[in-house]
Amino acid sequence: MLKVNAANCRPALNQYNGDYLNLSLVLAGGSALVTYALYTVEKGGHLIYTIIPAAYGIFRYLQLILRGKNGEPIEVFSKDFQLWIVSLLFLIGIAWEVYKK
């Protein structure tokens, strides 16, 4: 995650193992995805189709972070074309469901 100068940003990060932080990040992403999937299933309609771009976006972001493309989330997002495309698809799916009437 932060790796370089982590202690300068947050001294508490010295207390954690890098593998623990990576596992926590993966678990948080998975939990967010499961929660979103349950929400879309409960709401019904075509909102369920937005699970696909949401899942791809979360997995792509985790892949970039775990490969060492660290930094501010906005920087990581702005430099990755696949994240731009999947975000656009996600937003189109949401807009379609909200404004379809």
PDB file of N, CA and C in Angstrom:
ATOM      1  N   MET A   1       0.833  -1.172   0.000  1.00  0.00           N
ATOM      2  CA  MET A   1       0.000   0.000   0.000  1.00  0.00           C
ATOM      3  C   MET A   1       0.884   1.243   0.000  1.00  0.00           C
ATOM      4  N   LEU A   2       1.138   1.853   1.143  1.00  0.00           N
ATOM      5  CA  LEU A   2       1.963   3.050   1.153  1.00  0.00           C
ATOM      6  C   LEU A   2       3.438   2.707   0.969  1.00  0.00           C
ATOM      7  N   LYS A   3       3.890   1.665   1.633  1.00  0.00           N
ATOM      8  CA  LYS A   3       5.250   1.160   1.601  1.00  0.00           C
ATOM      9  C   LYS A   3       6.288   2.245   1.840  1.00  0.00           C
ATOM     10  N   VAL A   4       6.565   3.078   0.861  1.00  0.00           N
ATOM     11  CA  VAL A   4       7.597   4.095   1.001  1.00  0.00           C
ATOM     12  C   VAL A   4       7.059   5.225   1.865  1.00  0.00           C
ATOM     13  N   ASN A   5       7.814   5.588   2.889  1.00  0.00           N
ATOM     14  CA  ASN A   5       7.450   6.685   3.799  1.00  0.00           C
ATOM     15  C   ASN A   5       6.120   6.460   4.511  1.00  0.00           C
ATOM     16  N   ALA A   6       5.756   5.226   4.736  1.00  0.00           N
ATOM     17  CA  ALA A   6       4.486   4.951   5.413  1.00  0.00           C
ATOM     18  C   ALA A   6       4.478   5.521   6.821  1.00  0.00           C
ATOM     19  N   ALA A   7       5.606   5.402   7.518  1.00  0.00           N
ATOM     20  CA  ALA A   7       5.675   5.892   8.898  1.00  0.00           C
ATOM     21  C   ALA A   7       5.546   7.407   8.959  1.00  0.00           C
ATOM     22  N   ASN A   8       5.997   8.089   7.913  1.00  0.00           N
ATOM     23  CA  ASN A   8       5.876   9.547   7.896  1.00  0.00           C
ATOM     24  C   ASN A   8       4.423   9.977   7.755  1.00  0.00           C
ATOM     25  N   CYS A   9       3.644   9.214   7.010  1.00  0.00           N
ATOM     26  CA  CYS A   9       2.226   9.551   6.820  1.00  0.00           C
ATOM     27  C   CYS A   9       1.402   9.184   8.046  1.00  0.00           C
ATOM     28  N   ARG A  10       1.593   7.965   8.487  1.00  0.00           N
ATOM     29  CA  ARG A  10       0.845   7.473   9.649  1.00  0.00           C
ATOM     30  C   ARG A  10       1.744   6.543  10.447  1.00  0.00           C
ATOM     31  N   PRO A  11       2.206   6.990  11.597  1.00  0.00           N
ATOM     32  CA  PRO A  11       3.093   6.149  12.410  1.00  0.00           C
ATOM     33  C   PRO A  11       2.476   4.803  12.780  1.00  0.00           C
ATOM     34  N   ALA A  12       1.169   4.728  12.871  1.00  0.00           N
ATOM     35  CA  ALA A  12       0.515   3.466  13.237  1.00  0.00           C
ATOM     36  C   ALA A  12       0.751   2.381  12.192  1.00  0.00           C
ATOM     37  N   LEU A  13       1.072   2.768  10.956  1.00  0.00           N
ATOM     38  CA  LEU A  13       1.293   1.765   9.907  1.00  0.00           C
ATOM     39  C   LEU A  13       2.528   0.911  10.174  1.00  0.00           C
ATOM     40  N   ASN A  14       3.436   1.383  11.013  1.00  0.00           N
ATOM     41  CA  ASN A  14       4.600   0.565  11.376  1.00  0.00           C
ATOM     42  C   ASN A  14       4.196  -0.656  12.186  1.00  0.00           C
ATOM     43  N   GLN A  15       3.031  -0.624  12.787  1.00  0.00           N
ATOM     44  CA  GLN A  15       2.565  -1.715  13.635  1.00  0.00           C
ATOM     45  C   GLN A  15       1.944  -2.859  12.839  1.00  0.00           C
ATOM     46  N   TYR A  16       1.717  -2.650  11.547  1.00  0.00           N
ATOM     47  CA  TYR A  16       1.026  -3.647  10.732  1.00  0.00           C
ATOM     48  C   TYR A  16       1.958  -4.282   9.712  1.00  0.00           C
ATOM     49  N   ASN A  17       1.715  -5.537   9.458  1.00  0.00           N
ATOM     50  CA  ASN A  17       2.423  -6.290   8.436  1.00  0.00           C
ATOM     51  C   ASN A  17       1.810  -5.944   7.074  1.00  0.00           C
ATOM     52  N   GLY A  18       2.639  -5.855   6.029  1.00  0.00           N
ATOM     53  CA  GLY A  18       2.143  -5.545   4.687  1.00  0.00           C
ATOM     54  C   GLY A  18       1.144  -6.564   4.179  1.00  0.00           C
ATOM     55  N   ASP A  19       1.379  -7.842   4.475  1.00  0.00           N
ATOM     56  CA  ASP A  19       0.440  -8.886   4.048  1.00  0.00           C
ATOM     57  C   ASP A  19      -0.916  -8.724   4.733  1.00  0.00           C
ATOM     58  N   TYR A  20      -0.886  -8.329   5.999  1.00  0.00           N
ATOM     59  CA  TYR A  20      -2.136  -8.095   6.729  1.00  0.00           C
ATOM     60  C   TYR A  20      -2.927  -6.956   6.093  1.00  0.00           C
ATOM     61  N   LEU A  21      -2.246  -5.882   5.732  1.00  0.00           N
ATOM     62  CA  LEU A  21      -2.922  -4.744   5.110  1.00  0.00           C
ATOM     63  C   LEU A  21      -3.498  -5.117   3.748  1.00  0.00           C
ATOM     64  N   ASN A  22      -2.749  -5.902   2.973  1.00  0.00           N
ATOM     65  CA  ASN A  22      -3.259  -6.347   1.670  1.00  0.00           C
ATOM     66  C   ASN A  22      -4.483  -7.245   1.834  1.00  0.00           C
ATOM     67  N   LEU A  23      -4.432  -8.144   2.802  1.00  0.00           N
ATOM     68  CA  LEU A  23      -5.576  -9.022   3.058  1.00  0.00           C
ATOM     69  C   LEU A  23      -6.790  -8.207   3.501  1.00  0.00           C
ATOM     70  N   SER A  24      -6.564  -7.214   4.336  1.00  0.00           N
ATOM     71  CA  SER A  24      -7.663  -6.348   4.778  1.00  0.00           C
ATOM     72  C   SER A  24      -8.293  -5.618   3.601  1.00  0.00           C
ATOM     73  N   LEU A  25      -7.465  -5.169   2.678  1.00  0.00           N
ATOM     74  CA  LEU A  25      -7.965  -4.482   1.489  1.00  0.00           C
ATOM     75  C   LEU A  25      -8.811  -5.417   0.626  1.00  0.00           C
ATOM     76  N   VAL A  26      -8.347  -6.633   0.442  1.00  0.00           N
ATOM     77  CA  VAL A  26      -9.090  -7.618  -0.353  1.00  0.00           C
ATOM     78  C   VAL A  26     -10.419  -7.967   0.327  1.00  0.00           C
ATOM     79  N   LEU A  27     -10.388  -8.162   1.638  1.00  0.00           N
ATOM     80  CA  LEU A  27     -11.629  -8.474   2.359  1.00  0.00           C
ATOM     81  C   LEU A  27     -12.621  -7.316   2.306  1.00  0.00           C
ATOM     82  N   ALA A  28     -12.147  -6.094   2.408  1.00  0.00           N
ATOM     83  CA  ALA A  28     -13.041  -4.934   2.326  1.00  0.00           C
ATOM     84  C   ALA A  28     -13.665  -4.831   0.935  1.00  0.00           C
ATOM     85  N   GLY A  29     -12.856  -5.060  -0.104  1.00  0.00           N
ATOM     86  CA  GLY A  29     -13.385  -5.034  -1.469  1.00  0.00           C
ATOM     87  C   GLY A  29     -14.415  -6.125  -1.698  1.00  0.00           C
ATOM     88  N   GLY A  30     -14.129  -7.320  -1.210  1.00  0.00           N
ATOM     89  CA  GLY A  30     -15.077  -8.422  -1.344  1.00  0.00           C
ATOM     90  C   GLY A  30     -16.369  -8.168  -0.584  1.00  0.00           C
ATOM     91  N   SER A  31     -16.243  -7.623   0.607  1.00  0.00           N
ATOM     92  CA  SER A  31     -17.434  -7.298   1.404  1.00  0.00           C
ATOM     93  C   SER A  31     -18.286  -6.238   0.721  1.00  0.00           C
ATOM     94  N   ALA A  32     -17.640  -5.238   0.155  1.00  0.00           N
ATOM     95  CA  ALA A  32     -18.376  -4.188  -0.560  1.00  0.00           C
ATOM     96  C   ALA A  32     -19.116  -4.774  -1.755  1.00  0.00           C
ATOM     97  N   LEU A  33     -18.459  -5.679  -2.475  1.00  0.00           N
ATOM     98  CA  LEU A  33     -19.080  -6.291  -3.643  1.00  0.00           C
ATOM     99  C   LEU A  33     -20.282  -7.155  -3.254  1.00  0.00           C
ATOM    100  N   VAL A  34     -20.133  -7.963  -2.219  1.00  0.00           N
ATOM    101  CA  VAL A  34     -21.243  -8.812  -1.770  1.00  0.00           C
ATOM    102  C   VAL A  34     -22.411  -7.954  -1.294  1.00  0.00           C
ATOM    103  N   THR A  35     -22.111  -6.896  -0.551  1.00  0.00           N
ATOM    104  CA  THR A  35     -23.168  -6.003  -0.072  1.00  0.00           C
ATOM    105  C   THR A  35     -23.895  -5.347  -1.236  1.00  0.00           C
ATOM    106  N   TYR A  36     -23.148  -4.876  -2.229  1.00  0.00           N
ATOM    107  CA  TYR A  36     -23.769  -4.255  -3.393  1.00  0.00           C
ATOM    108  C   TYR A  36     -24.607  -5.270  -4.174  1.00  0.00           C
ATOM    109  N   ALA A  37     -24.090  -6.487  -4.316  1.00  0.00           N
ATOM    110  CA  ALA A  37     -24.838  -7.525  -5.034  1.00  0.00           C
ATOM    111  C   ALA A  37     -26.155  -7.835  -4.324  1.00  0.00           C
ATOM    112  N   LEU A  38     -26.126  -7.949  -3.015  1.00  0.00           N
ATOM    113  CA  LEU A  38     -27.361  -8.200  -2.264  1.00  0.00           C
ATOM    114  C   LEU A  38     -28.342  -7.042  -2.415  1.00  0.00           C
ATOM    115  N   TYR A  39     -27.834  -5.827  -2.417  1.00  0.00           N
ATOM    116  CA  TYR A  39     -28.691  -4.651  -2.598  1.00  0.00           C
ATOM    117  C   TYR A  39     -29.379  -4.682  -3.962  1.00  0.00           C
ATOM    118  N   THR A  40     -28.621  -4.983  -5.016  1.00  0.00           N
ATOM    119  CA  THR A  40     -29.212  -4.972  -6.357  1.00  0.00           C
ATOM    120  C   THR A  40     -30.223  -6.102  -6.534  1.00  0.00           C
ATOM    121  N   VAL A  41     -29.958  -7.240  -5.936  1.00  0.00           N
ATOM    122  CA  VAL A  41     -30.904  -8.353  -6.026  1.00  0.00           C
ATOM    123  C   VAL A  41     -32.198  -7.989  -5.307  1.00  0.00           C
ATOM    124  N   GLU A  42     -32.077  -7.335  -4.150  1.00  0.00           N
ATOM    125  CA  GLU A  42     -33.274  -6.936  -3.407  1.00  0.00           C
ATOM    126  C   GLU A  42     -34.099  -5.908  -4.179  1.00  0.00           C
ATOM    127  N   LYS A  43     -33.422  -4.953  -4.828  1.00  0.00           N
ATOM    128  CA  LYS A  43     -34.125  -3.911  -5.576  1.00  0.00           C
ATOM    129  C   LYS A  43     -34.783  -4.465  -6.831  1.00  0.00           C
ATOM    130  N   GLY A  44     -34.185  -5.496  -7.403  1.00  0.00           N
ATOM    131  CA  GLY A  44     -34.744  -6.087  -8.613  1.00  0.00           C
ATOM    132  C   GLY A  44     -34.503  -5.223  -9.833  1.00  0.00           C
ATOM    133  N   GLY A  45     -35.176  -5.538 -10.905  1.00  0.00           N
ATOM    134  CA  GLY A  45     -35.020  -4.780 -12.140  1.00  0.00           C
ATOM    135  C   GLY A  45     -33.687  -5.050 -12.815  1.00  0.00           C
ATOM    136  N   HIS A  46     -33.302  -4.105 -13.646  1.00  0.00           N
ATOM    137  CA  HIS A  46     -32.065  -4.254 -14.410  1.00  0.00           C
ATOM    138  C   HIS A  46     -30.830  -3.799 -13.644  1.00  0.00           C
ATOM    139  N   LEU A  47     -31.028  -3.310 -12.429  1.00  0.00           N
ATOM    140  CA  LEU A  47     -29.899  -2.873 -11.611  1.00  0.00           C
ATOM    141  C   LEU A  47     -28.928  -4.017 -11.347  1.00  0.00           C
ATOM    142  N   ILE A  48     -29.427  -5.232 -11.395  1.00  0.00           N
ATOM    143  CA  ILE A  48     -28.589  -6.404 -11.145  1.00  0.00           C
ATOM    144  C   ILE A  48     -27.440  -6.510 -12.158  1.00  0.00           C
ATOM    145  N   TYR A  49     -27.646  -5.967 -13.362  1.00  0.00           N
ATOM    146  CA  TYR A  49     -26.601  -6.041 -14.386  1.00  0.00           C
ATOM    147  C   TYR A  49     -25.418  -5.134 -14.077  1.00  0.00           C
ATOM    148  N   THR A  50     -25.578  -4.217 -13.130  1.00  0.00           N
ATOM    149  CA  THR A  50     -24.448  -3.357 -12.767  1.00  0.00           C
ATOM    150  C   THR A  50     -23.467  -4.070 -11.843  1.00  0.00           C
ATOM    151  N   ILE A  51     -23.804  -5.273 -11.398  1.00  0.00           N
ATOM    152  CA  ILE A  51     -22.869  -6.040 -10.573  1.00  0.00           C
ATOM    153  C   ILE A  51     -21.617  -6.373 -11.378  1.00  0.00           C
ATOM    154  N   ILE A  52     -21.771  -6.651 -12.656  1.00  0.00           N
ATOM    155  CA  ILE A  52     -20.630  -7.050 -13.490  1.00  0.00           C
ATOM    156  C   ILE A  52     -19.580  -5.944 -13.568  1.00  0.00           C
ATOM    157  N   PRO A  53     -19.932  -4.712 -13.970  1.00  0.00           N
ATOM    158  CA  PRO A  53     -18.893  -3.680 -13.980  1.00  0.00           C
ATOM    159  C   PRO A  53     -18.392  -3.323 -12.579  1.00  0.00           C
ATOM    160  N   ALA A  54     -19.258  -3.427 -11.566  1.00  0.00           N
ATOM    161  CA  ALA A  54     -18.809  -3.143 -10.200  1.00  0.00           C
ATOM    162  C   ALA A  54     -17.753  -4.159  -9.767  1.00  0.00           C
ATOM    163  N   ALA A  55     -18.004  -5.423 -10.041  1.00  0.00           N
ATOM    164  CA  ALA A  55     -17.046  -6.467  -9.683  1.00  0.00           C
ATOM    165  C   ALA A  55     -15.741  -6.295 -10.446  1.00  0.00           C
ATOM    166  N   TYR A  56     -15.846  -6.041 -11.745  1.00  0.00           N
ATOM    167  CA  TYR A  56     -14.634  -5.863 -12.543  1.00  0.00           C
ATOM    168  C   TYR A  56     -13.830  -4.669 -12.038  1.00  0.00           C
ATOM    169  N   GLY A  57     -14.513  -3.581 -11.701  1.00  0.00           N
ATOM    170  CA  GLY A  57     -13.823  -2.392 -11.210  1.00  0.00           C
ATOM    171  C   GLY A  57     -13.092  -2.651  -9.905  1.00  0.00           C
ATOM    172  N   ILE A  58     -13.745  -3.343  -8.986  1.00  0.00           N
ATOM    173  CA  ILE A  58     -13.100  -3.655  -7.708  1.00  0.00           C
ATOM    174  C   ILE A  58     -11.909  -4.574  -7.922  1.00  0.00           C
ATOM    175  N   PHE A  59     -12.080  -5.617  -8.736  1.00  0.00           N
ATOM    176  CA  PHE A  59     -10.983  -6.552  -8.974  1.00  0.00           C
ATOM    177  C   PHE A  59      -9.823  -5.889  -9.711  1.00  0.00           C
ATOM    178  N   ARG A  60     -10.133  -5.017 -10.649  1.00  0.00           N
ATOM    179  CA  ARG A  60      -9.082  -4.310 -11.389  1.00  0.00           C
ATOM    180  C   ARG A  60      -8.299  -3.389 -10.456  1.00  0.00           C
ATOM    181  N   TYR A  61      -9.003  -2.662  -9.597  1.00  0.00           N
ATOM    182  CA  TYR A  61      -8.330  -1.773  -8.654  1.00  0.00           C
ATOM    183  C   TYR A  61      -7.433  -2.576  -7.712  1.00  0.00           C
ATOM    184  N   LEU A  62      -7.950  -3.696  -7.187  1.00  0.00           N
ATOM    185  CA  LEU A  62      -7.133  -4.539  -6.315  1.00  0.00           C
ATOM    186  C   LEU A  62      -5.915  -5.076  -7.049  1.00  0.00           C
ATOM    187  N   GLN A  63      -6.089  -5.455  -8.311  1.00  0.00           N
ATOM    188  CA  GLN A  63      -4.963  -5.949  -9.095  1.00  0.00           C
ATOM    189  C   GLN A  63      -3.888  -4.879  -9.226  1.00  0.00           C
ATOM    190  N   LEU A  64      -4.280  -3.666  -9.523  1.00  0.00           N
ATOM    191  CA  LEU A  64      -3.315  -2.581  -9.662  1.00  0.00           C
ATOM    192  C   LEU A  64      -2.592  -2.309  -8.352  1.00  0.00           C
ATOM    193  N   ILE A  65      -3.329  -2.270  -7.263  1.00  0.00           N
ATOM    194  CA  ILE A  65      -2.727  -1.993  -5.962  1.00  0.00           C
ATOM    195  C   ILE A  65      -1.767  -3.104  -5.555  1.00  0.00           C
ATOM    196  N   LEU A  66      -2.178  -4.352  -5.720  1.00  0.00           N
ATOM    197  CA  LEU A  66      -1.336  -5.473  -5.303  1.00  0.00           C
ATOM    198  C   LEU A  66      -0.134  -5.675  -6.217  1.00  0.00           C
ATOM    199  N   ARG A  67      -0.191  -5.148  -7.441  1.00  0.00           N
ATOM    200  CA  ARG A  67       0.966  -5.201  -8.339  1.00  0.00           C
ATOM    201  C   ARG A  67       1.961  -4.089  -8.054  1.00  0.00           C
ATOM    202  N   GLY A  68       1.612  -3.200  -7.149  1.00  0.00           N
ATOM    203  CA  GLY A  68       2.552  -2.160  -6.765  1.00  0.00           C
ATOM    204  C   GLY A  68       2.280  -0.803  -7.366  1.00  0.00           C
ATOM    205  N   LYS A  69       1.171  -0.635  -8.050  1.00  0.00           N
ATOM    206  CA  LYS A  69       0.829   0.685  -8.599  1.00  0.00           C
ATOM    207  C   LYS A  69       0.122   1.471  -7.499  1.00  0.00           C
ATOM    208  N   ASN A  70       0.905   1.824  -6.490  1.00  0.00           N
ATOM    209  CA  ASN A  70       0.359   2.482  -5.312  1.00  0.00           C
ATOM    210  C   ASN A  70       0.190   3.969  -5.544  1.00  0.00           C
ATOM    211  N   GLY A  71      -0.423   4.598  -4.613  1.00  0.00           N
ATOM    212  CA  GLY A  71      -0.618   6.033  -4.668  1.00  0.00           C
ATOM    213  C   GLY A  71      -2.018   6.392  -4.253  1.00  0.00           C
ATOM    214  N   GLU A  72      -2.341   7.632  -4.458  1.00  0.00           N
ATOM    215  CA  GLU A  72      -3.690   8.097  -4.164  1.00  0.00           C
ATOM    216  C   GLU A  72      -4.681   7.369  -5.071  1.00  0.00           C
ATOM    217  N   PRO A  73      -5.833   6.983  -4.551  1.00  0.00           N
ATOM    218  CA  PRO A  73      -6.822   6.279  -5.382  1.00  0.00           C
ATOM    219  C   PRO A  73      -7.203   7.050  -6.641  1.00  0.00           C
ATOM    220  N   ILE A  74      -7.290   8.370  -6.548  1.00  0.00           N
ATOM    221  CA  ILE A  74      -7.639   9.177  -7.724  1.00  0.00           C
ATOM    222  C   ILE A  74      -6.539   9.085  -8.778  1.00  0.00           C
ATOM    223  N   GLU A  75      -5.285   9.066  -8.346  1.00  0.00           N
ATOM    224  CA  GLU A  75      -4.175   8.935  -9.300  1.00  0.00           C
ATOM    225  C   GLU A  75      -4.205   7.576  -9.983  1.00  0.00           C
ATOM    226  N   VAL A  76      -4.430   6.524  -9.203  1.00  0.00           N
ATOM    227  CA  VAL A  76      -4.498   5.171  -9.773  1.00  0.00           C
ATOM    228  C   VAL A  76      -5.641   5.099 -10.776  1.00  0.00           C
ATOM    229  N   PHE A  77      -6.791   5.642 -10.394  1.00  0.00           N
ATOM    230  CA  PHE A  77      -7.970   5.629 -11.262  1.00  0.00           C
ATOM    231  C   PHE A  77      -7.727   6.415 -12.546  1.00  0.00           C
ATOM    232  N   SER A  78      -7.144   7.589 -12.423  1.00  0.00           N
ATOM    233  CA  SER A  78      -6.993   8.461 -13.592  1.00  0.00           C
ATOM    234  C   SER A  78      -5.976   7.932 -14.601  1.00  0.00           C
ATOM    235  N   LYS A  79      -5.089   7.055 -14.171  1.00  0.00           N
ATOM    236  CA  LYS A  79      -4.055   6.539 -15.070  1.00  0.00           C
ATOM    237  C   LYS A  79      -4.413   5.198 -15.706  1.00  0.00           C
ATOM    238  N   ASP A  80      -5.566   4.630 -15.348  1.00  0.00           N
ATOM    239  CA  ASP A  80      -5.924   3.309 -15.858  1.00  0.00           C
ATOM    240  C   ASP A  80      -7.158   3.395 -16.753  1.00  0.00           C
ATOM    241  N   PHE A  81      -6.965   3.099 -18.029  1.00  0.00           N
ATOM    242  CA  PHE A  81      -8.042   3.191 -19.014  1.00  0.00           C
ATOM    243  C   PHE A  81      -9.170   2.207 -18.716  1.00  0.00           C
ATOM    244  N   GLN A  82      -8.827   0.999 -18.276  1.00  0.00           N
ATOM    245  CA  GLN A  82      -9.856  -0.005 -17.989  1.00  0.00           C
ATOM    246  C   GLN A  82     -10.786   0.443 -16.864  1.00  0.00           C
ATOM    247  N   LEU A  83     -10.236   1.094 -15.851  1.00  0.00           N
ATOM    248  CA  LEU A  83     -11.084   1.606 -14.774  1.00  0.00           C
ATOM    249  C   LEU A  83     -12.008   2.712 -15.271  1.00  0.00           C
ATOM    250  N   TRP A  84     -11.522   3.536 -16.200  1.00  0.00           N
ATOM    251  CA  TRP A  84     -12.375   4.576 -16.790  1.00  0.00           C
ATOM    252  C   TRP A  84     -13.557   3.939 -17.518  1.00  0.00           C
ATOM    253  N   ILE A  85     -13.278   2.947 -18.345  1.00  0.00           N
ATOM    254  CA  ILE A  85     -14.324   2.301 -19.146  1.00  0.00           C
ATOM    255  C   ILE A  85     -15.347   1.603 -18.250  1.00  0.00           C
ATOM    256  N   VAL A  86     -14.870   0.838 -17.278  1.00  0.00           N
ATOM    257  CA  VAL A  86     -15.796   0.099 -16.419  1.00  0.00           C
ATOM    258  C   VAL A  86     -16.624   1.066 -15.566  1.00  0.00           C
ATOM    259  N   SER A  87     -16.047   2.176 -15.168  1.00  0.00           N
ATOM    260  CA  SER A  87     -16.811   3.181 -14.415  1.00  0.00           C
ATOM    261  C   SER A  87     -17.887   3.809 -15.285  1.00  0.00           C
ATOM    262  N   LEU A  88     -17.547   4.060 -16.527  1.00  0.00           N
ATOM    263  CA  LEU A  88     -18.528   4.612 -17.459  1.00  0.00           C
ATOM    264  C   LEU A  88     -19.680   3.630 -17.674  1.00  0.00           C
ATOM    265  N   LEU A  89     -19.359   2.353 -17.857  1.00  0.00           N
ATOM    266  CA  LEU A  89     -20.401   1.332 -18.014  1.00  0.00           C
ATOM    267  C   LEU A  89     -21.276   1.231 -16.767  1.00  0.00           C
ATOM    268  N   PHE A  90     -20.654   1.306 -15.611  1.00  0.00           N
ATOM    269  CA  PHE A  90     -21.401   1.260 -14.353  1.00  0.00           C
ATOM    270  C   PHE A  90     -22.361   2.443 -14.254  1.00  0.00           C
ATOM    271  N   LEU A  91     -21.870   3.632 -14.551  1.00  0.00           N
ATOM    272  CA  LEU A  91     -22.715   4.828 -14.478  1.00  0.00           C
ATOM    273  C   LEU A  91     -23.842   4.802 -15.508  1.00  0.00           C
ATOM    274  N   ILE A  92     -23.559   4.285 -16.693  1.00  0.00           N
ATOM    275  CA  ILE A  92     -24.609   4.149 -17.708  1.00  0.00           C
ATOM    276  C   ILE A  92     -25.686   3.182 -17.217  1.00  0.00           C
ATOM    277  N   GLY A  93     -25.268   2.070 -16.608  1.00  0.00           N
ATOM    278  CA  GLY A  93     -26.233   1.109 -16.069  1.00  0.00           C
ATOM    279  C   GLY A  93     -27.095   1.706 -14.973  1.00  0.00           C
ATOM    280  N   ILE A  94     -26.492   2.478 -14.096  1.00  0.00           N
ATOM    281  CA  ILE A  94     -27.249   3.132 -13.022  1.00  0.00           C
ATOM    282  C   ILE A  94     -28.219   4.153 -13.608  1.00  0.00           C
ATOM    283  N   ALA A  95     -27.724   4.982 -14.531  1.00  0.00           N
ATOM    284  CA  ALA A  95     -28.575   6.012 -15.146  1.00  0.00           C
ATOM    285  C   ALA A  95     -29.735   5.373 -15.902  1.00  0.00           C
ATOM    286  N   TRP A  96     -29.464   4.270 -16.588  1.00  0.00           N
ATOM    287  CA  TRP A  96     -30.508   3.573 -17.335  1.00  0.00           C
ATOM    288  C   TRP A  96     -31.621   3.112 -16.390  1.00  0.00           C
ATOM    289  N   GLU A  97     -31.235   2.548 -15.268  1.00  0.00           N
ATOM    290  CA  GLU A  97     -32.235   2.049 -14.322  1.00  0.00           C
ATOM    291  C   GLU A  97     -33.005   3.194 -13.663  1.00  0.00           C
ATOM    292  N   VAL A  98     -32.321   4.274 -13.351  1.00  0.00           N
ATOM    293  CA  VAL A  98     -32.974   5.389 -12.654  1.00  0.00           C
ATOM    294  C   VAL A  98     -33.893   6.176 -13.578  1.00  0.00           C
ATOM    295  N   TYR A  99     -33.432   6.435 -14.807  1.00  0.00           N
ATOM    296  CA  TYR A  99     -34.165   7.331 -15.713  1.00  0.00           C
ATOM    297  C   TYR A  99     -34.899   6.620 -16.849  1.00  0.00           C
ATOM    298  N   LYS A 100     -35.129   5.333 -16.753  1.00  0.00           N
ATOM    299  CA  LYS A 100     -35.713   4.590 -17.876  1.00  0.00           C
ATOM    300  C   LYS A 100     -37.179   4.912 -18.137  1.00  0.00           C
ATOM    301  N   LYS A 101     -37.863   5.540 -17.224  1.00  0.00           N
ATOM    302  CA  LYS A 101     -39.299   5.799 -17.412  1.00  0.00           C
ATOM    303  C   LYS A 101     -39.563   6.998 -18.244  1.00  0.00           C
TER     304      LYS A 101
END
